[in-house]
């Protein structure tokens, strides 16, 4: 209920409860991506998160990878690159036949474990239940020294906002489902081809399955001041949540929206039910929204792309003085992100350079 530095600050209260009445470092609770809990031993903190959701892609193996990437993103948003342990949560649908269960569930588990191994950690336990619906998720835990994580509260006026994955995953997944639903497909077929929908769906799936680990490591190198990951509440929802956590009275202003190609057109053609351009379209396992010093932002973007993590990074806005809120300008610039592997994407990669912040922020 209180911002850092105010009376009743969580860190102060927690410090009063530690042995010998000594403060054990910063504390972060409900409201942000991970909890940060100072431990009794040696100035260490436990950083921990949990997340789960329902399947949204047809490939069980990729669904497992996406679920794991989604859990780990909460740690990565704190600038943490190592995870000590993961638990897996799995709900098996009672509506599935025994044959389907035996085929689908091992693939989901394998995808989750493979992504965990890619993140340098392992799955050592969890819980499986039978339920009307398939649900998949997990818990990620790490014990950290203070220099291993970045508290999400230090954005200052003049900072630049960077996003490390394109938007539009919800639109892409829904559009792919509509290929078999003539009533809905007829509403969007004038603005997109079936091939473009397939390409966007594949891009969304691989983007969601990509770990944000590279960006998390670069947050330290380029002195990031705050970050969050963009998931269910959309870009604007998470930007607002991050803004409320800041020590300084700042506001986030978003000028640019990197969106998977054609997804903005689909959203508009379907009556804007997703509100993609308004920033509230749900994302799953989205990118990190990072507040960086202006002079560091362009190099951060170049490094994310240069390290070949499969993603990208775009300067999307600025931090200015304000009342701890966030907004998207009336006519934001739409950056059409071409699906990887397409001719347009290959051409873009061969000719693109990272522009300075001044050329990207209007």
Protein backbone atom coordinates (compact mmCIF):
# COMPACT_ATOMS: atom_id res chain seq x y z
CA UNK A 1 0.00 0.00 0.00
CA UNK A 2 2.97 2.35 0.35
CA UNK A 3 5.62 3.44 -2.09
CA UNK A 4 9.28 3.04 -1.11
CA UNK A 5 10.44 5.72 1.30
CA UNK A 6 6.99 6.51 2.68
CA UNK A 7 5.78 5.71 6.17
CA UNK A 8 4.88 2.07 6.38
CA UNK A 9 7.33 1.07 3.66
CA UNK A 10 7.36 -2.71 3.27
CA UNK A 11 11.15 -2.88 3.55
CA UNK A 12 11.14 -0.95 6.84
CA UNK A 13 8.34 -3.03 8.31
CA UNK A 14 10.02 -6.25 7.35
CA UNK A 15 13.32 -5.07 8.79
CA UNK A 16 11.62 -4.64 12.17
CA UNK A 17 10.65 -8.32 12.10
CA UNK A 18 14.10 -9.71 11.38
CA UNK A 19 16.35 -11.12 14.13
CA UNK A 20 18.07 -8.48 16.28
CA UNK A 21 15.88 -5.84 14.58
CA UNK A 22 18.33 -5.53 11.67
CA UNK A 23 17.22 -4.67 8.17
CA UNK A 24 17.79 -7.46 5.66
CA UNK A 25 17.49 -5.48 2.45
CA UNK A 26 14.68 -4.50 0.10
CA UNK A 27 11.42 -6.40 0.09
CA UNK A 28 8.90 -6.71 -2.73
CA UNK A 29 5.48 -8.27 -2.36
CA UNK A 30 2.21 -8.63 -4.22
CA UNK A 31 1.78 -6.37 -7.22
CA UNK A 32 4.95 -6.91 -9.21
CA UNK A 33 6.37 -9.85 -11.12
CA UNK A 34 8.25 -11.59 -8.32
CA UNK A 35 8.37 -11.38 -4.55
CA UNK A 36 11.69 -10.44 -2.98
CA UNK A 37 12.01 -11.76 0.57
CA UNK A 38 15.11 -11.01 2.65
CA UNK A 39 16.39 -14.17 4.32
CA UNK A 40 17.84 -14.65 7.78
CA UNK A 41 21.27 -15.59 6.47
CA UNK A 42 24.11 -13.49 5.09
CA UNK A 43 22.25 -10.63 3.41
CA UNK A 44 20.62 -12.98 0.88
CA UNK A 45 17.13 -12.66 -0.57
CA UNK A 46 14.69 -15.22 -1.93
CA UNK A 47 13.19 -14.16 -5.26
CA UNK A 48 10.23 -16.29 -6.23
CA UNK A 49 7.32 -16.32 -8.65
CA UNK A 50 4.47 -18.54 -9.81
CA UNK A 51 2.28 -18.52 -12.90
CA UNK A 52 -0.09 -20.82 -14.79
CA UNK A 53 -2.61 -20.62 -17.61
CA UNK A 54 -4.58 -22.60 -20.18
CA UNK A 55 -3.19 -23.85 -23.51
CA UNK A 56 -3.32 -21.37 -26.36
CA UNK A 57 -1.35 -23.10 -29.14
CA UNK A 58 -1.95 -26.46 -30.79
CA UNK A 59 1.53 -27.92 -30.27
CA UNK A 60 1.79 -29.53 -26.78
CA UNK A 61 5.59 -29.39 -26.75
CA UNK A 62 5.62 -25.67 -27.61
CA UNK A 63 2.92 -25.08 -25.02
CA UNK A 64 5.24 -26.53 -22.39
CA UNK A 65 8.08 -24.29 -23.52
CA UNK A 66 5.82 -21.23 -23.50
CA UNK A 67 4.59 -22.00 -19.98
CA UNK A 68 8.14 -22.31 -18.66
CA UNK A 69 9.31 -19.16 -20.45
CA UNK A 70 6.35 -17.32 -18.98
CA UNK A 71 7.25 -18.34 -15.43
CA UNK A 72 10.93 -17.49 -15.82
CA UNK A 73 10.12 -14.07 -17.31
CA UNK A 74 9.09 -12.83 -13.88
CA UNK A 75 12.63 -13.46 -12.64
CA UNK A 76 14.15 -12.00 -15.79
CA UNK A 77 12.13 -8.81 -15.25
CA UNK A 78 14.15 -8.36 -12.04
CA UNK A 79 17.40 -8.59 -14.01
CA UNK A 80 17.99 -12.11 -12.68
CA UNK A 81 19.58 -14.52 -15.13
CA UNK A 82 19.94 -17.62 -12.94
CA UNK A 83 17.19 -19.76 -11.45
CA UNK A 84 17.98 -22.23 -8.68
CA UNK A 85 14.92 -24.42 -9.03
CA UNK A 86 11.58 -24.84 -10.77
CA UNK A 87 8.43 -26.71 -9.86
CA UNK A 88 5.86 -27.65 -12.49
CA UNK A 89 2.09 -27.38 -12.10
CA UNK A 90 0.02 -29.52 -14.44
CA UNK A 91 -3.70 -30.11 -14.66
CA UNK A 92 -4.76 -33.04 -16.84
CA UNK A 93 -8.20 -32.70 -18.41
CA UNK A 94 -10.68 -35.40 -17.43
CA UNK A 95 -12.35 -34.84 -20.81
CA UNK A 96 -9.35 -36.29 -22.64
CA UNK A 97 -9.19 -39.95 -23.57
CA UNK A 98 -6.46 -42.06 -21.99
CA UNK A 99 -4.75 -42.28 -25.37
CA UNK A 100 -4.73 -38.50 -25.79
CA UNK A 101 -3.39 -37.99 -22.27
CA UNK A 102 -0.53 -40.40 -22.92
CA UNK A 103 0.40 -38.55 -26.10
CA UNK A 104 -0.14 -34.92 -25.07
CA UNK A 105 0.97 -34.64 -21.46
CA UNK A 106 4.51 -36.06 -21.87
CA UNK A 107 5.09 -33.57 -24.69
CA UNK A 108 4.01 -30.65 -22.52
CA UNK A 109 6.26 -31.86 -19.70
CA UNK A 110 9.20 -32.29 -22.07
CA UNK A 111 8.73 -28.79 -23.50
CA UNK A 112 8.63 -27.29 -20.00
CA UNK A 113 11.76 -29.18 -18.94
CA UNK A 114 13.67 -28.33 -22.13
CA UNK A 115 12.98 -24.62 -21.66
CA UNK A 116 14.06 -24.87 -18.02
CA UNK A 117 17.34 -26.49 -19.09
CA UNK A 118 17.84 -23.72 -21.66
CA UNK A 119 17.47 -21.29 -18.77
CA UNK A 120 20.19 -23.11 -16.83
CA UNK A 121 17.87 -24.66 -14.26
CA UNK A 122 15.90 -27.86 -13.71
CA UNK A 123 12.46 -29.04 -12.66
CA UNK A 124 12.65 -31.03 -9.42
CA UNK A 125 9.02 -31.39 -8.44
CA UNK A 126 5.55 -29.96 -8.62
CA UNK A 127 1.96 -31.17 -8.65
CA UNK A 128 -0.31 -32.90 -11.15
CA UNK A 129 -4.09 -33.03 -10.79
CA UNK A 130 -7.11 -34.09 -12.84
CA UNK A 131 -9.39 -31.20 -13.74
CA UNK A 132 -12.02 -30.24 -16.35
CA UNK A 133 -9.35 -28.16 -18.13
CA UNK A 134 -5.71 -28.49 -19.08
CA UNK A 135 -3.65 -26.03 -17.04
CA UNK A 136 0.12 -25.66 -17.11
CA UNK A 137 2.48 -23.48 -15.13
CA UNK A 138 5.07 -23.55 -12.41
CA UNK A 139 7.14 -21.92 -9.70
CA UNK A 140 10.62 -20.44 -10.11
CA UNK A 141 12.89 -19.71 -7.15
CA UNK A 142 16.36 -18.25 -6.71
CA UNK A 143 18.43 -17.09 -3.73
CA UNK A 144 20.26 -13.87 -4.64
CA UNK A 145 22.82 -11.44 -3.40
CA UNK A 146 21.74 -7.78 -3.67
CA UNK A 147 23.77 -7.12 -6.83
CA UNK A 148 22.01 -9.91 -8.72
CA UNK A 149 18.60 -8.27 -8.97
CA UNK A 150 17.31 -4.85 -9.96
CA UNK A 151 14.40 -3.49 -7.96
CA UNK A 152 11.69 -2.13 -10.30
CA UNK A 153 11.47 1.33 -8.75
CA UNK A 154 14.20 3.66 -10.01
CA UNK A 155 13.01 5.11 -13.35
CA UNK A 156 13.83 8.81 -13.71
CA UNK A 157 12.69 11.55 -16.10
CA UNK A 158 14.73 11.33 -19.29
CA UNK A 159 14.86 7.53 -19.33
CA UNK A 160 13.87 5.64 -22.47
CA UNK A 161 11.45 2.69 -22.57
CA UNK A 162 12.45 -0.43 -24.48
CA UNK A 163 10.33 -3.49 -25.34
CA UNK A 164 12.04 -6.79 -26.16
CA UNK A 165 9.29 -8.75 -27.96
CA UNK A 166 6.62 -7.65 -30.44
CA UNK A 167 2.98 -7.28 -29.46
CA UNK A 168 0.03 -9.05 -31.03
CA UNK A 169 0.28 -12.63 -29.75
CA UNK A 170 -3.38 -12.78 -28.70
CA UNK A 171 -4.54 -11.52 -32.09
CA UNK A 172 -2.28 -14.00 -33.90
CA UNK A 173 -3.53 -16.97 -31.90
CA UNK A 174 -7.17 -16.00 -32.37
CA UNK A 175 -6.77 -15.29 -36.08
CA UNK A 176 -5.26 -18.74 -36.51
CA UNK A 177 -8.31 -20.29 -34.85
CA UNK A 178 -10.57 -18.29 -37.16
CA UNK A 179 -9.13 -19.97 -40.25
CA UNK A 180 -11.65 -22.76 -39.55
CA UNK A 181 -14.50 -20.42 -38.58
CA UNK A 182 -15.99 -18.85 -41.76
CA UNK A 183 -18.10 -16.27 -39.88
CA UNK A 184 -15.04 -14.79 -38.20
CA UNK A 185 -12.61 -15.33 -41.07
CA UNK A 186 -14.89 -13.36 -43.40
CA UNK A 187 -14.42 -10.29 -41.19
CA UNK A 188 -10.65 -10.21 -41.66
CA UNK A 189 -9.94 -11.92 -45.00
CA UNK A 190 -9.81 -8.59 -46.86
CA UNK A 191 -6.82 -7.39 -44.80
CA UNK A 192 -4.78 -10.59 -44.45
CA UNK A 193 -4.12 -13.83 -46.32
CA UNK A 194 -4.23 -17.31 -44.82
CA UNK A 195 -0.49 -17.60 -45.39
CA UNK A 196 0.13 -14.39 -43.46
CA UNK A 197 -2.01 -15.67 -40.57
CA UNK A 198 -0.03 -18.91 -40.48
CA UNK A 199 3.25 -16.98 -40.49
CA UNK A 200 2.06 -14.67 -37.71
CA UNK A 201 0.90 -17.63 -35.64
CA UNK A 202 4.28 -19.32 -35.97
CA UNK A 203 6.03 -16.06 -35.06
CA UNK A 204 3.79 -15.60 -32.01
CA UNK A 205 4.42 -19.18 -30.89
CA UNK A 206 8.20 -18.94 -31.17
CA UNK A 207 8.23 -15.47 -29.62
CA UNK A 208 6.25 -16.68 -26.60
CA UNK A 209 8.62 -19.66 -26.22
CA UNK A 210 11.74 -17.44 -26.30
CA UNK A 211 13.37 -16.79 -22.93
CA UNK A 212 13.97 -13.20 -21.87
CA UNK A 213 17.27 -14.26 -20.31
CA UNK A 214 19.51 -12.32 -22.71
CA UNK A 215 17.71 -9.05 -22.02
CA UNK A 216 17.83 -9.72 -18.27
CA UNK A 217 21.61 -9.96 -18.34
CA UNK A 218 21.94 -6.82 -20.43
CA UNK A 219 19.83 -4.87 -17.92
CA UNK A 220 22.85 -4.89 -15.58
CA UNK A 221 25.37 -3.97 -18.25
CA UNK A 222 23.33 -0.99 -19.43
CA UNK A 223 22.21 0.25 -15.99
CA UNK A 224 18.46 -0.43 -16.28
CA UNK A 225 16.42 1.45 -13.70
CA UNK A 226 13.23 -0.65 -13.71
CA UNK A 227 11.50 -3.37 -15.70
CA UNK A 228 8.47 -5.62 -15.92
CA UNK A 229 7.35 -8.30 -18.33
CA UNK A 230 4.35 -7.72 -20.59
CA UNK A 231 1.74 -10.45 -20.21
CA UNK A 232 -1.98 -10.70 -19.50
CA UNK A 233 -2.76 -7.03 -18.86
CA UNK A 234 -1.20 -5.87 -22.12
CA UNK A 235 1.48 -3.27 -22.68
CA UNK A 236 -0.40 -0.37 -21.11
CA UNK A 237 -1.62 -2.37 -18.13
CA UNK A 238 1.87 -3.47 -17.18
CA UNK A 239 3.36 -0.05 -17.93
CA UNK A 240 0.88 1.52 -15.52
CA UNK A 241 1.63 -1.09 -12.89
CA UNK A 242 5.36 -0.43 -13.21
CA UNK A 243 4.84 3.33 -13.08
CA UNK A 244 3.02 3.10 -9.74
CA UNK A 245 6.08 1.41 -8.21
CA UNK A 246 8.52 4.23 -8.96
CA UNK A 247 10.21 6.24 -6.25
CA UNK A 248 10.23 9.41 -8.36
CA UNK A 249 7.06 11.05 -9.62
CA UNK A 250 7.28 9.94 -13.23
CA UNK A 251 5.00 8.95 -16.10
CA UNK A 252 5.61 6.59 -19.00
CA UNK A 253 4.68 7.90 -22.46
CA UNK A 254 4.58 5.32 -25.25
CA UNK A 255 5.06 6.51 -28.85
CA UNK A 256 5.86 3.34 -30.80
CA UNK A 257 4.14 -0.05 -30.94
CA UNK A 258 6.13 -2.96 -32.43
CA UNK A 259 3.46 -5.41 -33.56
CA UNK A 260 3.64 -8.71 -35.43
CA UNK A 261 2.92 -7.87 -39.08
CA UNK A 262 -0.77 -7.61 -40.05
CA UNK A 263 -2.05 -8.01 -36.47
CA UNK A 264 -2.92 -4.32 -36.16
CA UNK A 265 -4.96 -4.55 -39.38
CA UNK A 266 -6.75 -7.67 -38.13
CA UNK A 267 -7.56 -6.04 -34.81
CA UNK A 268 -9.04 -3.03 -36.57
CA UNK A 269 -10.98 -5.11 -39.13
CA UNK A 270 -12.56 -7.19 -36.39
CA UNK A 271 -13.95 -4.17 -34.60
CA UNK A 272 -11.02 -3.50 -32.29
CA UNK A 273 -12.25 -6.03 -29.72
CA UNK A 274 -8.64 -6.67 -28.66
CA UNK A 275 -7.78 -2.96 -28.29
CA UNK A 276 -4.29 -3.80 -29.53
CA UNK A 277 -3.40 -0.19 -30.36
CA UNK A 278 -4.84 0.90 -27.03
CA UNK A 279 -2.33 -1.27 -25.25
CA UNK A 280 -4.69 -3.61 -23.38
CA UNK A 281 -4.64 -6.61 -25.70
CA UNK A 282 -3.50 -9.58 -23.66
CA UNK A 283 -0.03 -10.97 -24.32
CA UNK A 284 1.37 -14.30 -23.18
CA UNK A 285 5.05 -14.66 -22.30
CA UNK A 286 5.72 -11.24 -23.79
CA UNK A 287 8.86 -9.14 -23.75
CA UNK A 288 10.47 -7.09 -21.02
CA UNK A 289 9.49 -3.44 -20.73
CA UNK A 290 12.69 -1.79 -19.53
CA UNK A 291 13.43 1.76 -18.37
CA UNK A 292 17.00 2.66 -19.35
CA UNK A 293 19.17 5.78 -19.42
CA UNK A 294 18.70 7.42 -22.82
CA UNK A 295 22.34 7.10 -23.77
CA UNK A 296 22.24 3.33 -23.18
CA UNK A 297 19.00 2.40 -24.96
CA UNK A 298 20.15 2.10 -28.57
CA UNK A 299 23.13 -0.07 -27.61
CA UNK A 300 20.90 -2.23 -25.42
CA UNK A 301 18.62 -2.85 -28.40
CA UNK A 302 21.55 -3.64 -30.67
CA UNK A 303 22.98 -6.11 -28.15
CA UNK A 304 19.66 -7.92 -27.67
CA UNK A 305 19.38 -8.39 -31.40
CA UNK A 306 23.07 -9.10 -31.88
CA UNK A 307 23.18 -11.90 -29.34
CA UNK A 308 20.81 -13.93 -31.48
CA UNK A 309 18.27 -14.80 -28.80
CA UNK A 310 15.57 -14.99 -31.45
CA UNK A 311 13.91 -11.76 -30.45
CA UNK A 312 14.41 -8.08 -30.99
CA UNK A 313 14.22 -4.83 -29.06
CA UNK A 314 12.54 -1.54 -29.86
CA UNK A 315 12.63 1.88 -28.24
CA UNK A 316 8.95 2.59 -27.64
CA UNK A 317 8.70 5.60 -25.34
CA UNK A 318 10.10 7.94 -22.73
CA UNK A 319 9.91 8.62 -19.02
CA UNK A 320 8.90 12.13 -18.02
CA UNK A 321 7.78 13.89 -14.86
CA UNK A 322 4.26 12.88 -13.92
CA UNK A 323 1.95 11.21 -11.44
CA UNK A 324 3.08 7.60 -11.70
CA UNK A 325 0.92 6.67 -14.67
CA UNK A 326 1.34 5.56 -18.26
CA UNK A 327 -0.29 6.42 -21.58
CA UNK A 328 -0.02 5.74 -25.29
CA UNK A 329 -0.10 8.84 -27.52
CA UNK A 330 -3.12 9.34 -29.78
CA UNK A 331 -1.46 8.20 -33.00
CA UNK A 332 1.42 5.90 -32.09
CA UNK A 333 3.85 4.76 -34.75
CA UNK A 334 3.15 1.13 -35.71
CA UNK A 335 6.31 -0.90 -36.31
CA UNK A 336 5.36 -3.93 -38.42
CA UNK A 337 7.54 -6.80 -37.20
CA UNK A 338 7.91 -9.37 -39.96
CA UNK A 339 7.69 -13.05 -38.94
CA UNK A 340 11.12 -14.66 -38.81
CA UNK A 341 12.06 -16.73 -41.82
CA UNK A 342 9.96 -14.73 -44.27
CA UNK A 343 11.54 -12.88 -47.19
CA UNK A 344 10.54 -9.54 -45.67
CA UNK A 345 12.18 -10.41 -42.35
CA UNK A 346 15.38 -11.57 -44.05
CA UNK A 347 15.60 -8.33 -46.02
CA UNK A 348 14.89 -6.28 -42.91
CA UNK A 349 17.64 -8.07 -40.97
CA UNK A 350 20.20 -7.55 -43.72
CA UNK A 351 19.60 -3.80 -43.97
CA UNK A 352 18.55 -2.73 -40.48
CA UNK A 353 20.64 -0.72 -38.06
CA UNK A 354 19.73 0.49 -34.59
CA UNK A 355 18.68 4.13 -34.74
CA UNK A 356 19.45 6.52 -31.94
CA UNK A 357 16.64 7.19 -29.46
CA UNK A 358 16.01 10.65 -30.92
CA UNK A 359 15.09 9.16 -34.30
CA UNK A 360 12.64 6.70 -32.81
CA UNK A 361 10.83 8.83 -30.26
CA UNK A 362 8.59 11.46 -31.73
